[in-house]
């Protein structure tokens, strides 16, 4: 027992508790059997006034002093004789590597290390300055770890508060300088006057410019600007300072001596007088803030004069607009009548043309007798001419319907890849006959567009047919589709001669043909692209072209994505 008292000397709480602890129940064994190195280390810890914790053996069983008990908080007294990693389980992943370094013979030191610890009934952030030092046993090996620890949470917080205070003071200085700069550079005039005599304390450049660059600071208003005394401004300042109620003036005239030795000049100002109220509630001065609106007032009065003079012109213009509206209405009616006439004539012409085609078919079938080869050749030319004329009339009829607004559309979701696949067999024979390589690129299987199936196919057939006709033998035509956001683009690209920039807009006009090869007249009356664009727009889309002479063209049908 005397040996135990010698090891755990002192009258502190931890020393008394250590003397009463059954150390034989721990892996350290009875205290009287401890090696001298452990007894010496424990004796040093117990006698120290600074926080120390001796963690012995690979289990790192804790023997600490009264100063360290404060750091332990509610972990004491259960932590005495227990493994340090058990007591400080919440920070085990942070401190365990430190113990491993000490077992390797290294001393570890940290200042103001931030740890989240559980104590005093909750989890808190705490800062510690500490060292982990190896304690050697008689064999020269490391037998334990001595922790010298000092909690610096209060000091870190104090430094943080000081740093925050310094930061706020710096920000205040910067803000004050910024406000002074803004005050001086503000386009509106600003002035601060103090006391019952309204002595100028601050004025900015705009205010000095308004009053003629006079020296103002330190002078009462009636002395610095004597011409305003009889104009009522001193009375307004007295009123605001006495009542505490702001005053706001709009376009008030003021006579000012802006240049020495010249008569007063009239200016117009928008301004406000605002009382300056101190922390105690007393009114110590007034802020004058406003804008010189002389130019605006003069300009407005001139505009008002011009408005009066132009009223008659406005009435005449109104009459002209009425006449123009009537003329526009008449033009629309005439255009509608033209479209109705074209539609009617095209319809009437199709009937006899269809009859001609039928009779030619009957003759070719030798219903009315045998036909010679020469006659059959003549009938073939008649058939081709009939079909060509019928195509032209169909184009005119389609255009007339579009112009008259009689196109009926059945919009529904259409699968893009099916549309392109359906077009290919219809134009492949024409491409083969002209020696054109036709390629249809695959689209995403689930890509859909919103349109009328028949009209979309009509547009694509027209675009692909044109590309094949205008591309020289040995060329290529590619049909593809992409999507961008809410739109689906179906593109027809060729490597033909291209279209000159100045002619690209004209190809969508009715009855206009732009021969991309500049030779060899083509079939049609120039309605295909005009009709196709009208159909695209009717379905909520657009038809456009991009072309480079000598490289080819790309026509793009853009329709809403379904």
Protein backbone atom coordinates (compact mmCIF):
# COMPACT_ATOMS: atom_id res chain seq x y z
CA UNK A 1 0.00 0.00 0.00
CA UNK A 2 2.89 2.30 0.68
CA UNK A 3 4.11 1.72 -2.87
CA UNK A 4 0.71 2.70 -4.27
CA UNK A 5 0.69 5.90 -2.20
CA UNK A 6 4.12 6.76 -3.50
CA UNK A 7 3.05 6.26 -7.10
CA UNK A 8 -0.26 8.10 -6.76
CA UNK A 9 0.95 10.87 -4.51
CA UNK A 10 -1.01 13.98 -3.72
CA UNK A 11 -4.44 14.88 -2.37
CA UNK A 12 -6.12 15.52 -5.72
CA UNK A 13 -9.33 13.82 -6.74
CA UNK A 14 -7.66 11.73 -9.43
CA UNK A 15 -4.86 10.64 -7.08
CA UNK A 16 -7.38 9.49 -4.44
CA UNK A 17 -9.42 7.67 -7.08
CA UNK A 18 -6.27 6.04 -8.52
CA UNK A 19 -5.21 4.78 -5.08
CA UNK A 20 -8.64 3.20 -4.63
CA UNK A 21 -8.66 1.60 -8.07
CA UNK A 22 -8.13 -2.16 -8.35
CA UNK A 23 -5.36 -2.07 -10.90
CA UNK A 24 -4.99 -5.83 -10.60
CA UNK A 25 -8.25 -6.11 -12.57
CA UNK A 26 -6.59 -4.38 -15.51
CA UNK A 27 -3.91 -5.57 -17.89
CA UNK A 28 -1.44 -3.39 -15.96
CA UNK A 29 -1.67 -5.61 -12.90
CA UNK A 30 -1.24 -4.48 -9.25
CA UNK A 31 0.55 -1.15 -8.91
CA UNK A 32 3.20 -2.58 -6.58
CA UNK A 33 4.34 -4.87 -9.43
CA UNK A 34 4.60 -2.15 -12.06
CA UNK A 35 7.99 -1.67 -13.72
CA UNK A 36 10.00 1.29 -12.52
CA UNK A 37 9.53 3.08 -15.88
CA UNK A 38 5.73 3.03 -15.43
CA UNK A 39 5.90 4.02 -11.76
CA UNK A 40 8.18 6.93 -12.58
CA UNK A 41 5.99 8.13 -15.46
CA UNK A 42 2.81 7.93 -13.31
CA UNK A 43 4.51 9.80 -10.46
CA UNK A 44 5.51 12.61 -12.86
CA UNK A 45 1.97 12.85 -14.26
CA UNK A 46 0.39 13.07 -10.79
CA UNK A 47 2.73 15.84 -9.66
CA UNK A 48 2.28 18.07 -12.74
CA UNK A 49 0.00 21.09 -12.79
CA UNK A 50 -0.53 20.95 -16.53
CA UNK A 51 -2.88 18.44 -18.14
CA UNK A 52 -1.12 15.12 -18.70
CA UNK A 53 -2.41 11.70 -19.65
CA UNK A 54 -0.24 8.58 -19.62
CA UNK A 55 -1.54 5.89 -22.00
CA UNK A 56 0.25 2.62 -21.17
CA UNK A 57 0.68 -0.54 -23.16
CA UNK A 58 -0.79 -1.43 -26.48
CA UNK A 59 -4.25 -1.07 -24.93
CA UNK A 60 -3.32 2.54 -24.13
CA UNK A 61 -4.88 2.44 -20.66
CA UNK A 62 -5.23 5.98 -19.27
CA UNK A 63 -3.68 7.37 -16.09
CA UNK A 64 -4.21 11.14 -16.00
CA UNK A 65 -4.00 13.97 -13.49
CA UNK A 66 -6.46 16.51 -12.12
CA UNK A 67 -5.66 19.07 -14.83
CA UNK A 68 -6.51 16.53 -17.54
CA UNK A 69 -9.71 15.60 -15.65
CA UNK A 70 -11.13 18.99 -16.65
CA UNK A 71 -10.55 18.15 -20.32
CA UNK A 72 -12.21 14.75 -19.81
CA UNK A 73 -15.41 16.37 -18.59
CA UNK A 74 -18.15 13.76 -18.16
CA UNK A 75 -15.79 11.06 -19.44
CA UNK A 76 -14.26 11.12 -15.94
CA UNK A 77 -14.13 9.05 -13.76
CA UNK A 78 -15.08 6.21 -16.11
CA UNK A 79 -12.05 6.94 -18.29
CA UNK A 80 -9.46 6.32 -15.56
CA UNK A 81 -7.79 2.97 -16.26
CA UNK A 82 -9.70 2.56 -19.54
CA UNK A 83 -8.36 2.60 -23.09
CA UNK A 84 -7.98 6.12 -24.44
CA UNK A 85 -9.55 5.10 -27.77
CA UNK A 86 -12.61 3.90 -25.82
CA UNK A 87 -12.96 7.19 -23.94
CA UNK A 88 -12.45 9.26 -27.06
CA UNK A 89 -14.24 7.00 -29.53
CA UNK A 90 -15.78 9.92 -31.40
CA UNK A 91 -12.33 11.13 -32.52
CA UNK A 92 -10.68 7.73 -32.77
CA UNK A 93 -10.11 8.01 -36.54
CA UNK A 94 -8.19 11.25 -35.93
CA UNK A 95 -6.02 10.30 -32.93
CA UNK A 96 -5.33 6.61 -33.54
CA UNK A 97 -2.82 7.38 -36.36
CA UNK A 98 -1.00 9.70 -33.93
CA UNK A 99 -0.50 6.88 -31.41
CA UNK A 100 0.86 4.66 -34.19
CA UNK A 101 3.44 7.30 -35.03
CA UNK A 102 4.52 7.45 -31.35
CA UNK A 103 4.85 3.67 -31.16
CA UNK A 104 7.35 4.12 -33.97
CA UNK A 105 9.41 6.37 -31.72
CA UNK A 106 8.17 9.73 -33.07
CA UNK A 107 7.00 12.68 -30.97
CA UNK A 108 3.87 14.33 -32.38
CA UNK A 109 2.99 17.96 -31.71
CA UNK A 110 -0.02 20.03 -32.72
CA UNK A 111 -1.20 23.53 -31.96
CA UNK A 112 -4.86 24.52 -31.76
CA UNK A 113 -6.01 21.29 -33.36
CA UNK A 114 -9.79 21.29 -33.92
CA UNK A 115 -11.58 18.15 -32.66
CA UNK A 116 -15.31 17.40 -32.28
CA UNK A 117 -15.61 15.77 -28.86
CA UNK A 118 -18.48 14.45 -26.79
CA UNK A 119 -18.51 15.94 -23.31
CA UNK A 120 -20.59 18.15 -21.04
CA UNK A 121 -23.71 16.43 -22.33
CA UNK A 122 -23.23 17.00 -26.05
CA UNK A 123 -20.91 17.22 -29.04
CA UNK A 124 -18.78 20.34 -29.26
CA UNK A 125 -15.88 21.75 -31.22
CA UNK A 126 -12.74 22.08 -29.11
CA UNK A 127 -9.17 23.17 -29.86
CA UNK A 128 -6.10 21.58 -28.26
CA UNK A 129 -2.36 22.19 -28.25
CA UNK A 130 -0.67 18.91 -27.33
CA UNK A 131 2.26 16.59 -27.74
CA UNK A 132 2.31 12.79 -27.91
CA UNK A 133 5.70 11.51 -26.63
CA UNK A 134 7.00 7.96 -26.38
CA UNK A 135 7.81 6.62 -22.86
CA UNK A 136 10.60 4.05 -22.92
CA UNK A 137 10.68 0.99 -20.65
CA UNK A 138 13.76 -0.73 -19.22
CA UNK A 139 14.43 -2.60 -22.47
CA UNK A 140 14.60 0.64 -24.40
CA UNK A 141 11.35 -0.06 -26.23
CA UNK A 142 8.30 2.19 -26.24
CA UNK A 143 5.99 1.14 -23.43
CA UNK A 144 3.49 3.96 -23.49
CA UNK A 145 2.50 7.39 -24.75
CA UNK A 146 2.65 10.54 -22.63
CA UNK A 147 0.17 13.21 -23.64
CA UNK A 148 0.84 16.79 -22.62
CA UNK A 149 -2.31 18.69 -23.44
CA UNK A 150 -3.57 22.22 -23.15
CA UNK A 151 -7.07 23.13 -24.29
CA UNK A 152 -6.97 26.35 -26.32
CA UNK A 153 -10.66 26.59 -27.27
CA UNK A 154 -11.15 29.87 -25.43
CA UNK A 155 -8.00 31.40 -26.90
CA UNK A 156 -8.90 30.28 -30.45
CA UNK A 157 -12.37 31.73 -30.07
CA UNK A 158 -10.91 34.95 -28.71
CA UNK A 159 -8.51 35.20 -31.66
CA UNK A 160 -11.35 34.43 -34.05
CA UNK A 161 -13.48 37.17 -32.51
CA UNK A 162 -10.58 39.60 -32.77
CA UNK A 163 -10.01 38.63 -36.39
CA UNK A 164 -13.71 39.07 -37.12
CA UNK A 165 -13.63 42.46 -35.37
CA UNK A 166 -10.59 43.49 -37.42
CA UNK A 167 -12.31 42.26 -40.60
CA UNK A 168 -15.45 44.21 -39.80
CA UNK A 169 -13.41 47.34 -39.08
CA UNK A 170 -11.60 46.92 -42.39
CA UNK A 171 -14.90 46.47 -44.19
CA UNK A 172 -16.25 49.54 -42.40
CA UNK A 173 -13.28 51.60 -43.56
CA UNK A 174 -13.67 50.32 -47.10
CA UNK A 175 -17.42 50.97 -47.03
CA UNK A 176 -16.88 54.47 -45.68
CA UNK A 177 -14.38 55.21 -48.42
CA UNK A 178 -16.76 53.76 -50.98
CA UNK A 179 -19.63 55.88 -49.71
CA UNK A 180 -17.46 58.98 -49.80
CA UNK A 181 -16.50 58.16 -53.39
CA UNK A 182 -20.14 57.49 -54.37
CA UNK A 183 -21.19 60.72 -52.64
CA UNK A 184 -18.63 62.73 -54.55
CA UNK A 185 -19.16 61.05 -57.91
CA UNK A 186 -22.96 60.74 -57.78
CA UNK A 187 -24.62 62.29 -60.86
CA UNK A 188 -27.33 63.75 -58.61
CA UNK A 189 -26.38 66.76 -56.52
CA UNK A 190 -25.89 66.13 -52.79
CA UNK A 191 -25.23 68.44 -49.87
CA UNK A 192 -25.32 68.13 -46.07
CA UNK A 193 -26.06 71.19 -43.91
CA UNK A 194 -25.91 71.26 -40.10
CA UNK A 195 -27.51 73.30 -37.36
CA UNK A 196 -30.18 76.02 -37.38
CA UNK A 197 -28.04 78.20 -39.64
CA UNK A 198 -27.77 75.38 -42.19
CA UNK A 199 -23.99 75.41 -42.47
CA UNK A 200 -22.61 73.41 -45.39
CA UNK A 201 -20.72 70.34 -44.14
CA UNK A 202 -20.47 68.25 -47.33
CA UNK A 203 -21.17 68.97 -51.00
CA UNK A 204 -20.45 66.86 -54.04
CA UNK A 205 -19.20 67.87 -57.46
CA UNK A 206 -22.69 67.95 -59.00
CA UNK A 207 -23.86 70.44 -56.36
CA UNK A 208 -20.82 72.66 -56.89
CA UNK A 209 -21.47 72.58 -60.64
CA UNK A 210 -25.12 73.58 -60.11
CA UNK A 211 -24.26 76.68 -58.05
CA UNK A 212 -21.25 77.79 -60.08
CA UNK A 213 -18.24 76.21 -58.34
CA UNK A 214 -18.45 78.49 -55.29
CA UNK A 215 -16.74 77.79 -51.94
CA UNK A 216 -19.52 76.39 -49.74
CA UNK A 217 -18.18 74.16 -46.96
CA UNK A 218 -18.19 75.89 -43.57
CA UNK A 219 -20.57 78.66 -44.66
CA UNK A 220 -24.29 79.09 -43.87
CA UNK A 221 -26.61 78.81 -46.88
CA UNK A 222 -27.68 82.46 -46.70
CA UNK A 223 -24.02 83.53 -46.90
CA UNK A 224 -22.85 81.01 -49.50
CA UNK A 225 -25.93 81.40 -51.76
CA UNK A 226 -27.46 84.79 -50.92
CA UNK A 227 -29.66 84.85 -54.04
CA UNK A 228 -31.81 81.94 -52.75
CA UNK A 229 -32.84 83.72 -49.51
CA UNK A 230 -35.74 85.61 -51.12
CA UNK A 231 -36.79 82.55 -53.14
CA UNK A 232 -38.11 80.65 -50.11
CA UNK A 233 -35.46 77.93 -49.80
CA UNK A 234 -34.25 79.06 -46.36
CA UNK A 235 -37.82 78.81 -45.11
CA UNK A 236 -38.09 75.24 -46.51
CA UNK A 237 -34.90 74.25 -44.67
CA UNK A 238 -36.23 75.72 -41.40
CA UNK A 239 -39.51 73.86 -41.87
CA UNK A 240 -37.85 70.45 -42.42
CA UNK A 241 -35.45 70.90 -39.49
CA UNK A 242 -38.28 71.95 -37.15
CA UNK A 243 -40.95 69.44 -38.19
CA UNK A 244 -38.79 66.48 -39.19
CA UNK A 245 -40.96 66.02 -42.28
CA UNK A 246 -39.13 65.67 -45.62
CA UNK A 247 -39.86 68.08 -48.46
CA UNK A 248 -39.96 66.96 -52.09
CA UNK A 249 -40.01 69.42 -54.97
CA UNK A 250 -40.59 68.72 -58.66
CA UNK A 251 -39.27 70.96 -61.43
CA UNK A 252 -39.01 73.95 -59.09
CA UNK A 253 -37.39 77.02 -60.65
CA UNK A 254 -34.39 78.61 -58.91
CA UNK A 255 -32.35 81.67 -59.92
CA UNK A 256 -28.60 81.16 -59.40
CA UNK A 257 -25.48 83.23 -60.01
CA UNK A 258 -23.56 80.47 -61.79
CA UNK A 259 -20.98 82.82 -63.32
CA UNK A 260 -19.50 85.85 -61.53
CA UNK A 261 -20.55 89.23 -62.94
CA UNK A 262 -23.54 87.89 -64.91
CA UNK A 263 -27.28 88.03 -64.18
CA UNK A 264 -28.88 85.10 -62.34
CA UNK A 265 -29.65 82.07 -64.49
CA UNK A 266 -32.91 80.16 -64.16
CA UNK A 267 -32.57 76.43 -63.53
CA UNK A 268 -35.20 73.78 -62.81
CA UNK A 269 -34.54 71.16 -60.14
CA UNK A 270 -36.13 68.01 -58.72
CA UNK A 271 -34.95 67.76 -55.12
CA UNK A 272 -35.71 66.58 -51.60
CA UNK A 273 -34.79 67.89 -48.15
CA UNK A 274 -34.40 65.00 -45.69
CA UNK A 275 -33.82 65.53 -41.94
CA UNK A 276 -30.67 64.06 -40.37
CA UNK A 277 -31.67 62.28 -37.14
CA UNK A 278 -29.02 61.35 -34.56
CA UNK A 279 -28.99 58.28 -32.31
CA UNK A 280 -30.73 60.22 -29.54
CA UNK A 281 -33.56 61.22 -31.87
CA UNK A 282 -32.60 64.89 -32.23
CA UNK A 283 -32.50 66.47 -35.70
CA UNK A 284 -29.04 67.88 -36.38
CA UNK A 285 -29.18 68.82 -40.05
CA UNK A 286 -30.57 68.21 -43.52
CA UNK A 287 -29.51 66.26 -46.60
CA UNK A 288 -30.28 68.01 -49.89
CA UNK A 289 -30.53 65.58 -52.79
CA UNK A 290 -31.72 66.26 -56.30
CA UNK A 291 -31.21 66.57 -60.03
CA UNK A 292 -30.85 69.51 -62.38
CA UNK A 293 -33.71 68.88 -64.83
CA UNK A 294 -33.41 72.13 -66.75
CA UNK A 295 -32.61 70.42 -70.04
CA UNK A 296 -35.52 68.02 -69.64
CA UNK A 297 -37.98 70.81 -68.82
CA UNK A 298 -36.86 72.89 -71.79
CA UNK A 299 -36.97 69.85 -74.06
CA UNK A 300 -40.42 68.85 -72.84
CA UNK A 301 -41.80 72.32 -73.42
CA UNK A 302 -40.37 72.25 -76.92
CA UNK A 303 -41.93 68.84 -77.49
CA UNK A 304 -45.27 70.12 -76.27
CA UNK A 305 -45.04 72.97 -78.75
CA UNK A 306 -44.17 70.60 -81.55
CA UNK A 307 -47.01 68.28 -80.56
CA UNK A 308 -49.49 71.10 -80.90
CA UNK A 309 -48.09 71.99 -84.31
CA UNK A 310 -48.13 68.38 -85.44
CA UNK A 311 -51.68 67.59 -84.34
CA UNK A 312 -53.02 68.42 -87.77
CA UNK A 313 -50.33 66.28 -89.35
CA UNK A 314 -51.34 63.44 -87.07
CA UNK A 315 -54.95 63.73 -88.18
CA UNK A 316 -53.86 63.71 -91.80
CA UNK A 317 -51.67 60.69 -91.15
CA UNK A 318 -54.59 58.92 -89.53
CA UNK A 319 -56.67 59.55 -92.63
CA UNK A 320 -53.83 58.20 -94.76
CA UNK A 321 -53.65 55.07 -92.61
CA UNK A 322 -57.37 54.51 -93.08
CA UNK A 323 -56.93 54.81 -96.83
CA UNK A 324 -53.96 52.45 -96.73
CA UNK A 325 -55.95 49.92 -94.71
CA UNK A 326 -58.76 50.06 -97.23
CA UNK A 327 -56.26 49.58 -100.05
CA UNK A 328 -54.70 46.63 -98.22
CA UNK A 329 -58.10 45.06 -97.73
CA UNK A 330 -58.89 45.52 -101.42
CA UNK A 331 -55.54 43.96 -102.33
CA UNK A 332 -56.24 40.98 -100.09
CA UNK A 333 -59.62 40.52 -101.66
CA UNK A 334 -58.07 40.71 -105.13
CA UNK A 335 -55.38 38.20 -104.13
CA UNK A 336 -58.03 35.87 -102.71
CA UNK A 337 -60.05 36.20 -105.89
CA UNK A 338 -56.93 35.39 -107.91
CA UNK A 339 -56.29 32.32 -105.79
CA UNK A 340 -59.92 31.22 -106.15
CA UNK A 341 -59.68 31.71 -109.90
CA UNK A 342 -56.46 29.68 -110.14
CA UNK A 343 -57.95 26.92 -108.03
CA UNK A 344 -61.07 26.84 -110.17
CA UNK A 345 -59.18 26.92 -113.46
CA UNK A 346 -56.74 24.25 -112.35
CA UNK A 347 -59.61 22.02 -111.35
CA UNK A 348 -61.39 22.56 -114.67
CA UNK A 349 -58.23 21.82 -116.64
CA UNK A 350 -57.52 18.57 -114.81
CA UNK A 351 -60.75 16.98 -116.06
CA UNK A 352 -59.98 17.11 -119.82
CA UNK A 353 -56.32 16.24 -119.17
CA UNK A 354 -57.35 13.14 -117.26
CA UNK A 355 -59.66 12.27 -120.15
CA UNK A 356 -56.79 12.68 -122.62
CA UNK A 357 -54.69 10.34 -120.50
CA UNK A 358 -57.49 7.83 -120.40
CA UNK A 359 -58.04 7.86 -124.16
CA UNK A 360 -54.29 7.47 -124.76
CA UNK A 361 -54.35 4.41 -122.51
CA UNK A 362 -57.27 2.98 -124.49
CA UNK A 363 -55.45 3.53 -127.80
CA UNK A 364 -52.30 1.89 -126.42
CA UNK A 365 -54.43 -1.08 -125.36
CA UNK A 366 -55.62 -1.27 -129.06
CA UNK A 367 -59.28 -1.08 -127.99
CA UNK A 368 -60.04 0.80 -131.25
CA UNK A 369 -57.77 -1.26 -133.45
CA UNK A 370 -54.13 -2.09 -133.88
CA UNK A 371 -51.45 0.55 -133.32
CA UNK A 372 -48.21 0.79 -135.24
CA UNK A 373 -44.86 1.37 -133.56
CA UNK A 374 -44.75 4.92 -134.92
CA UNK A 375 -48.23 5.55 -133.56
CA UNK A 376 -47.26 4.03 -130.21
CA UNK A 377 -44.24 6.33 -130.02
CA UNK A 378 -46.50 9.31 -130.79
CA UNK A 379 -48.96 8.17 -128.12
CA UNK A 380 -46.07 7.96 -125.62
CA UNK A 381 -45.09 11.56 -126.37
CA UNK A 382 -48.72 12.60 -125.92
CA UNK A 383 -48.80 10.67 -122.61
CA UNK A 384 -45.62 12.38 -121.36
CA UNK A 385 -46.95 15.80 -122.34
CA UNK A 386 -50.29 15.06 -120.66
CA UNK A 387 -48.57 13.97 -117.45
CA UNK A 388 -46.24 16.96 -117.50
CA UNK A 389 -49.12 19.38 -117.95
CA UNK A 390 -51.12 17.58 -115.27
CA UNK A 391 -48.18 17.95 -112.86
CA UNK A 392 -47.99 21.66 -113.58
CA UNK A 393 -51.71 22.08 -113.03
CA UNK A 394 -51.55 20.08 -109.79
CA UNK A 395 -48.81 22.42 -108.58
CA UNK A 396 -50.88 25.46 -109.49
CA UNK A 397 -53.91 23.94 -107.74
CA UNK A 398 -51.88 23.18 -104.61
CA UNK A 399 -50.45 26.67 -104.57
CA UNK A 400 -53.87 28.19 -105.08
CA UNK A 401 -55.23 26.22 -102.14
CA UNK A 402 -52.35 27.40 -99.97
CA UNK A 403 -52.88 31.01 -101.02
CA UNK A 404 -56.62 30.74 -100.35
CA UNK A 405 -56.03 29.13 -96.96
CA UNK A 406 -57.84 25.94 -97.89
CA UNK A 407 -55.21 23.41 -96.90
CA UNK A 408 -56.64 20.84 -94.51
CA UNK A 409 -54.07 19.33 -92.17
CA UNK A 410 -54.29 16.34 -89.88
CA UNK A 411 -51.44 16.87 -87.47
CA UNK A 412 -50.29 13.87 -85.43
CA UNK A 413 -47.04 12.38 -84.12
CA UNK A 414 -45.01 10.81 -86.96
CA UNK A 415 -41.97 8.57 -86.57
CA UNK A 416 -39.06 10.19 -88.40
CA UNK A 417 -37.29 6.99 -89.42
CA UNK A 418 -40.52 5.59 -90.96
CA UNK A 419 -41.04 8.79 -92.98
CA UNK A 420 -37.53 8.66 -94.43
CA UNK A 421 -37.79 4.94 -95.13
CA UNK A 422 -41.07 5.53 -96.98
CA UNK A 423 -39.55 8.16 -99.25
CA UNK A 424 -36.55 6.11 -100.39
CA UNK A 425 -38.35 3.55 -102.65
CA UNK A 426 -40.31 6.36 -104.34
CA UNK A 427 -37.23 8.26 -105.48
CA UNK A 428 -34.69 5.45 -105.80
CA UNK A 429 -35.60 4.67 -109.46
CA UNK A 430 -35.09 8.31 -110.43
CA UNK A 431 -31.72 8.37 -108.62
CA UNK A 432 -30.62 5.14 -110.30
CA UNK A 433 -31.67 6.42 -113.73
CA UNK A 434 -29.59 9.59 -113.27
CA UNK A 435 -26.58 7.84 -111.74
CA UNK A 436 -27.01 9.52 -108.34
CA UNK A 437 -25.98 7.75 -105.12
CA UNK A 438 -28.96 8.08 -102.75
CA UNK A 439 -28.31 7.52 -99.02
CA UNK A 440 -30.91 7.55 -96.23
CA UNK A 441 -29.28 7.78 -92.82
CA UNK A 442 -30.93 6.11 -89.87
CA UNK A 443 -32.73 8.27 -87.31
CA UNK A 444 -33.26 7.53 -83.64
CA UNK A 445 -36.03 4.95 -83.47
CA UNK A 446 -38.08 6.93 -80.94
CA UNK A 447 -37.69 10.33 -82.62
CA UNK A 448 -41.10 11.73 -83.57
CA UNK A 449 -42.25 14.95 -85.18
CA UNK A 450 -45.65 16.62 -85.35
CA UNK A 451 -47.07 16.97 -88.86
CA UNK A 452 -49.50 15.83 -91.54
CA UNK A 453 -48.10 12.59 -92.94
CA UNK A 454 -49.19 13.21 -96.54
CA UNK A 455 -47.91 16.80 -96.57
CA UNK A 456 -44.59 15.91 -94.97
CA UNK A 457 -44.06 13.16 -97.54
CA UNK A 458 -45.01 15.63 -100.32
CA UNK A 459 -42.35 18.08 -99.10
CA UNK A 460 -39.66 15.40 -98.81
CA UNK A 461 -40.41 14.00 -102.26
CA UNK A 462 -40.15 17.49 -103.73
CA UNK A 463 -36.83 18.19 -101.96
CA UNK A 464 -35.24 14.84 -102.81
CA UNK A 465 -36.56 14.97 -106.38
CA UNK A 466 -35.08 18.43 -106.88
CA UNK A 467 -31.75 17.33 -105.42
CA UNK A 468 -31.60 14.35 -107.81
CA UNK A 469 -32.61 16.44 -110.85
CA UNK A 470 -30.10 19.22 -110.20
CA UNK A 471 -27.14 17.05 -109.17
CA UNK A 472 -24.83 15.99 -112.04
CA UNK A 473 -24.43 12.31 -112.86
CA UNK A 474 -22.10 10.58 -110.40
CA UNK A 475 -23.10 12.86 -107.54
CA UNK A 476 -24.80 11.97 -104.27
CA UNK A 477 -27.88 12.92 -102.25
CA UNK A 478 -28.19 12.25 -98.51
CA UNK A 479 -31.45 12.25 -96.52
CA UNK A 480 -31.04 12.50 -92.73
CA UNK A 481 -32.71 13.79 -89.58
CA UNK A 482 -31.58 15.30 -86.28
CA UNK A 483 -33.24 16.94 -83.31
CA UNK A 484 -32.40 20.05 -81.33
CA UNK A 485 -34.51 20.89 -78.30
CA UNK A 486 -38.16 21.14 -79.30
CA UNK A 487 -37.49 20.76 -83.04
CA UNK A 488 -36.81 17.94 -85.50
CA UNK A 489 -34.76 18.77 -88.62
CA UNK A 490 -35.08 16.61 -91.75
CA UNK A 491 -32.22 17.47 -94.12
CA UNK A 492 -31.72 16.78 -97.84
CA UNK A 493 -28.09 17.38 -98.83
CA UNK A 494 -26.45 17.09 -102.24
CA UNK A 495 -23.10 17.85 -103.83
CA UNK A 496 -24.59 19.62 -106.82
CA UNK A 497 -23.49 22.98 -108.21
CA UNK A 498 -25.03 24.97 -105.34
CA UNK A 499 -27.06 28.17 -105.34
CA UNK A 500 -25.62 31.69 -105.36
CA UNK A 501 -26.33 33.61 -102.13
CA UNK A 502 -28.28 36.33 -103.92
CA UNK A 503 -30.62 33.73 -105.42
CA UNK A 504 -31.30 31.63 -102.35
CA UNK A 505 -34.22 33.71 -101.11
CA UNK A 506 -35.88 33.75 -104.55
CA UNK A 507 -36.19 29.97 -104.86
CA UNK A 508 -39.07 29.98 -102.36
CA UNK A 509 -41.06 32.58 -104.35
CA UNK A 510 -43.92 31.27 -106.52
CA UNK A 511 -43.38 30.98 -110.26
CA UNK A 512 -39.64 31.52 -109.86
CA UNK A 513 -37.02 29.00 -110.91
CA UNK A 514 -33.38 29.31 -110.07
CA UNK A 515 -31.45 26.87 -112.22
CA UNK A 516 -28.55 25.80 -110.05
CA UNK A 517 -26.72 24.50 -113.12
CA UNK A 518 -27.49 27.63 -115.14
CA UNK A 519 -28.26 25.39 -118.12
CA UNK A 520 -30.79 22.80 -119.25
CA UNK A 521 -34.32 24.09 -118.49
CA UNK A 522 -36.13 22.05 -115.86
CA UNK A 523 -39.74 20.87 -115.67
CA UNK A 524 -42.29 22.81 -113.63
CA UNK A 525 -43.38 26.37 -113.18
CA UNK A 526 -41.42 27.09 -110.02
CA UNK A 527 -44.09 26.24 -107.44
CA UNK A 528 -42.64 23.18 -105.72
CA UNK A 529 -40.51 24.98 -103.14
CA UNK A 530 -43.10 27.73 -102.63
CA UNK A 531 -45.74 25.10 -101.88
CA UNK A 532 -43.38 23.13 -99.67
CA UNK A 533 -42.50 26.16 -97.59
CA UNK A 534 -46.19 27.13 -97.20
CA UNK A 535 -46.97 23.58 -96.06
CA UNK A 536 -44.07 23.60 -93.59
CA UNK A 537 -45.24 26.88 -92.08
CA UNK A 538 -48.84 25.68 -91.96
CA UNK A 539 -47.63 22.77 -89.81
CA UNK A 540 -45.84 25.16 -87.44
CA UNK A 541 -42.41 24.64 -88.97
CA UNK A 542 -40.06 26.14 -91.56
CA UNK A 543 -38.19 25.24 -94.74
CA UNK A 544 -34.73 26.74 -95.28
CA UNK A 545 -31.67 26.32 -97.48
CA UNK A 546 -27.91 26.57 -96.97
CA UNK A 547 -25.79 26.42 -100.10
CA UNK A 548 -22.27 27.09 -101.37
CA UNK A 549 -21.66 27.43 -105.09
CA UNK A 550 -19.52 24.55 -106.29
CA UNK A 551 -20.07 22.47 -103.13
CA UNK A 552 -23.77 21.71 -102.95
CA UNK A 553 -26.92 22.55 -101.04
CA UNK A 554 -28.75 21.46 -97.90
CA UNK A 555 -32.50 21.94 -97.59
CA UNK A 556 -33.82 21.62 -94.02
CA UNK A 557 -37.43 20.91 -93.07
CA UNK A 558 -37.90 21.88 -89.43
CA UNK A 559 -41.03 20.67 -87.62
CA UNK A 560 -42.06 20.58 -83.94
CA UNK A 561 -40.90 17.58 -81.98
CA UNK A 562 -43.78 15.39 -80.80
